[in-house]
């Protein structure tokens, strides 16, 4: 994200939960008490925190991809590949199967899933199967989901109204490095 990103615009109105505020109070009484809840954009910010220092890569996608499916590839400073996949299809749409060509020497990738019941959901949102605590903190699971690679390719299924961060470690060479 270091290349070409100068900021992210967010609405910072904690009294208004329908906009792009990362945290908000759902009632005036909660606002008066300082009780805020994490909005879906807060979960997305937590997910994208893993991209700090990454460089965007040019990537190609299949022309048969659904219109509301976005796949972006990034290169981490340690040589790992990271893919952000967002499926904005509405609830009830089929899940999207995304094939990522990662090259030989990659045994598995890890998956950090951002799930929600719908694109505009304000509850039922999880990151890595966990919700954000009342104070806005989130604890990453001890182990992320694992996706096996076959012949230099990883296939991940992303349900509608969801996103994922797929992290692919730097490929091992024949010398084991």
Protein backbone atom coordinates (compact mmCIF):
# COMPACT_ATOMS: atom_id res chain seq x y z
CA UNK A 1 0.00 0.00 0.00
CA UNK A 2 2.99 2.31 0.23
CA UNK A 3 3.11 2.97 -3.51
CA UNK A 4 0.70 5.67 -4.58
CA UNK A 5 -1.57 5.67 -1.52
CA UNK A 6 -1.79 8.97 0.31
CA UNK A 7 -4.80 8.27 2.51
CA UNK A 8 -8.19 6.72 2.92
CA UNK A 9 -11.28 8.89 3.17
CA UNK A 10 -13.71 7.90 5.90
CA UNK A 11 -16.70 9.61 7.42
CA UNK A 12 -15.97 10.22 11.07
CA UNK A 13 -19.48 10.82 12.38
CA UNK A 14 -20.06 8.39 15.26
CA UNK A 15 -23.70 9.52 15.49
CA UNK A 16 -24.43 8.23 11.99
CA UNK A 17 -24.21 4.48 11.39
CA UNK A 18 -25.45 4.50 7.79
CA UNK A 19 -22.39 6.15 6.26
CA UNK A 20 -18.75 5.16 6.11
CA UNK A 21 -17.92 5.76 9.75
CA UNK A 22 -15.72 2.91 11.07
CA UNK A 23 -17.36 3.13 14.49
CA UNK A 24 -20.69 4.58 15.58
CA UNK A 25 -23.36 4.61 18.27
CA UNK A 26 -26.59 2.90 17.29
CA UNK A 27 -28.76 5.15 19.50
CA UNK A 28 -28.46 8.69 20.92
CA UNK A 29 -28.31 7.16 24.43
CA UNK A 30 -25.32 5.00 23.45
CA UNK A 31 -23.63 8.04 21.90
CA UNK A 32 -24.12 10.00 25.13
CA UNK A 33 -22.51 7.12 27.07
CA UNK A 34 -19.69 6.74 24.53
CA UNK A 35 -20.78 3.23 23.55
CA UNK A 36 -19.64 2.70 19.98
CA UNK A 37 -19.83 -0.37 17.76
CA UNK A 38 -17.52 -1.44 14.96
CA UNK A 39 -18.98 -1.06 11.49
CA UNK A 40 -18.05 -3.31 8.53
CA UNK A 41 -15.53 -0.71 7.31
CA UNK A 42 -13.63 -1.16 10.61
CA UNK A 43 -13.32 -4.88 9.85
CA UNK A 44 -12.04 -4.01 6.36
CA UNK A 45 -9.46 -1.66 7.86
CA UNK A 46 -8.28 -4.43 10.17
CA UNK A 47 -7.92 -6.76 7.19
CA UNK A 48 -6.03 -4.22 5.08
CA UNK A 49 -3.64 -3.47 7.94
CA UNK A 50 -1.76 -6.57 6.71
CA UNK A 51 -1.04 -4.78 3.43
CA UNK A 52 1.08 -1.96 4.86
CA UNK A 53 4.33 -1.82 2.89
CA UNK A 54 3.00 -3.97 0.02
CA UNK A 55 3.36 -2.95 -3.63
CA UNK A 56 0.47 -3.41 -6.04
CA UNK A 57 1.14 -5.82 -8.90
CA UNK A 58 -0.41 -5.92 -12.32
CA UNK A 59 -2.74 -8.84 -12.56
CA UNK A 60 -5.21 -10.20 -15.04
CA UNK A 61 -8.61 -11.66 -14.36
CA UNK A 62 -10.97 -13.75 -16.36
CA UNK A 63 -13.51 -11.87 -18.44
CA UNK A 64 -16.15 -14.26 -17.10
CA UNK A 65 -15.74 -12.91 -13.56
CA UNK A 66 -18.90 -11.51 -11.99
CA UNK A 67 -19.10 -7.72 -12.24
CA UNK A 68 -19.05 -7.33 -8.45
CA UNK A 69 -15.91 -9.43 -7.90
CA UNK A 70 -12.57 -7.67 -7.45
CA UNK A 71 -9.18 -9.39 -7.14
CA UNK A 72 -6.04 -7.35 -6.43
CA UNK A 73 -2.51 -8.74 -6.13
CA UNK A 74 0.20 -7.20 -3.97
CA UNK A 75 3.83 -8.02 -3.21
CA UNK A 76 4.87 -7.89 0.46
CA UNK A 77 8.34 -6.67 1.47
CA UNK A 78 9.34 -10.27 2.36
CA UNK A 79 8.45 -11.50 -1.15
CA UNK A 80 5.09 -13.01 -0.22
CA UNK A 81 2.13 -12.51 -2.53
CA UNK A 82 -1.08 -11.17 -1.06
CA UNK A 83 -4.42 -11.17 -2.81
CA UNK A 84 -7.40 -9.14 -1.68
CA UNK A 85 -10.62 -10.63 -3.04
CA UNK A 86 -13.95 -8.84 -2.63
CA UNK A 87 -17.26 -10.38 -3.68
CA UNK A 88 -19.91 -7.63 -3.57
CA UNK A 89 -22.56 -9.86 -5.11
CA UNK A 90 -25.84 -9.70 -3.15
CA UNK A 91 -26.97 -12.41 -0.73
CA UNK A 92 -28.29 -15.44 -2.59
CA UNK A 93 -25.85 -15.05 -5.47
CA UNK A 94 -23.52 -18.00 -6.03
CA UNK A 95 -20.14 -18.01 -4.35
CA UNK A 96 -17.23 -17.08 -6.61
CA UNK A 97 -14.46 -19.61 -7.21
CA UNK A 98 -11.24 -17.67 -7.78
CA UNK A 99 -8.13 -19.38 -9.17
CA UNK A 100 -4.84 -17.70 -8.31
CA UNK A 101 -1.70 -18.60 -10.23
CA UNK A 102 1.06 -18.47 -7.62
CA UNK A 103 3.86 -20.42 -9.29
CA UNK A 104 5.63 -23.63 -8.42
CA UNK A 105 7.14 -24.29 -5.00
CA UNK A 106 4.17 -22.99 -3.00
CA UNK A 107 2.59 -25.74 -0.88
CA UNK A 108 -0.20 -23.73 0.77
CA UNK A 109 -1.59 -20.26 1.29
CA UNK A 110 -3.38 -18.78 4.27
CA UNK A 111 -6.83 -17.23 4.24
CA UNK A 112 -8.22 -14.45 6.41
CA UNK A 113 -11.94 -14.26 5.67
CA UNK A 114 -14.15 -11.19 6.12
CA UNK A 115 -17.76 -12.40 6.18
CA UNK A 116 -21.08 -10.56 6.38
CA UNK A 117 -24.71 -11.43 5.74
CA UNK A 118 -24.99 -8.67 3.10
CA UNK A 119 -22.93 -5.76 1.71
CA UNK A 120 -24.80 -3.30 3.94
CA UNK A 121 -24.87 -5.49 7.08
CA UNK A 122 -24.20 -3.76 10.37
CA UNK A 123 -24.24 -6.95 12.42
CA UNK A 124 -23.14 -10.52 11.91
CA UNK A 125 -19.79 -9.37 10.48
CA UNK A 126 -16.67 -11.43 11.31
CA UNK A 127 -12.99 -11.31 10.43
CA UNK A 128 -11.20 -14.62 10.71
CA UNK A 129 -14.37 -16.01 12.31
CA UNK A 130 -14.18 -13.45 15.12
CA UNK A 131 -16.05 -10.27 15.93
CA UNK A 132 -14.50 -7.01 17.03
CA UNK A 133 -14.63 -6.36 20.78
CA UNK A 134 -16.58 -3.44 22.21
CA UNK A 135 -13.41 -1.37 22.46
CA UNK A 136 -12.66 -1.86 18.73
CA UNK A 137 -9.89 -4.39 19.26
CA UNK A 138 -9.68 -7.63 17.37
CA UNK A 139 -7.57 -10.69 18.03
CA UNK A 140 -6.41 -12.65 15.02
CA UNK A 141 -7.04 -16.40 15.23
CA UNK A 142 -4.04 -18.52 16.23
CA UNK A 143 -4.16 -20.10 12.78
CA UNK A 144 -5.66 -18.79 9.58
CA UNK A 145 -7.45 -21.07 7.17
CA UNK A 146 -5.13 -23.03 4.90
CA UNK A 147 -5.56 -23.50 1.15
CA UNK A 148 -3.50 -26.18 -0.62
CA UNK A 149 -1.74 -25.32 -3.86
CA UNK A 150 -1.87 -27.70 -6.78
CA UNK A 151 0.46 -27.29 -9.76
CA UNK A 152 1.18 -23.65 -8.87
CA UNK A 153 -2.47 -22.71 -8.49
CA UNK A 154 -4.69 -21.96 -5.51
CA UNK A 155 -8.47 -21.93 -5.75
CA UNK A 156 -10.48 -20.11 -3.13
CA UNK A 157 -14.26 -19.81 -2.87
CA UNK A 158 -15.59 -16.43 -1.73
CA UNK A 159 -19.27 -16.26 -0.71
CA UNK A 160 -21.34 -13.25 -1.78
CA UNK A 161 -21.09 -10.16 0.47
CA UNK A 162 -17.65 -11.26 1.65
CA UNK A 163 -13.95 -10.61 1.20
CA UNK A 164 -10.70 -12.41 1.90
CA UNK A 165 -6.99 -11.83 2.22
CA UNK A 166 -5.06 -14.73 0.70
CA UNK A 167 -1.40 -14.73 1.71
CA UNK A 168 1.04 -16.84 -0.29
CA UNK A 169 4.52 -17.28 1.20
CA UNK A 170 7.52 -16.72 -1.01
CA UNK A 171 8.04 -19.82 -3.14
CA UNK A 172 10.73 -22.24 -2.02
CA UNK A 173 13.51 -22.89 -4.47
CA UNK A 174 14.97 -26.31 -5.14
CA UNK A 175 17.74 -25.42 -2.66
CA UNK A 176 15.10 -24.94 0.05
CA UNK A 177 15.46 -21.13 0.31
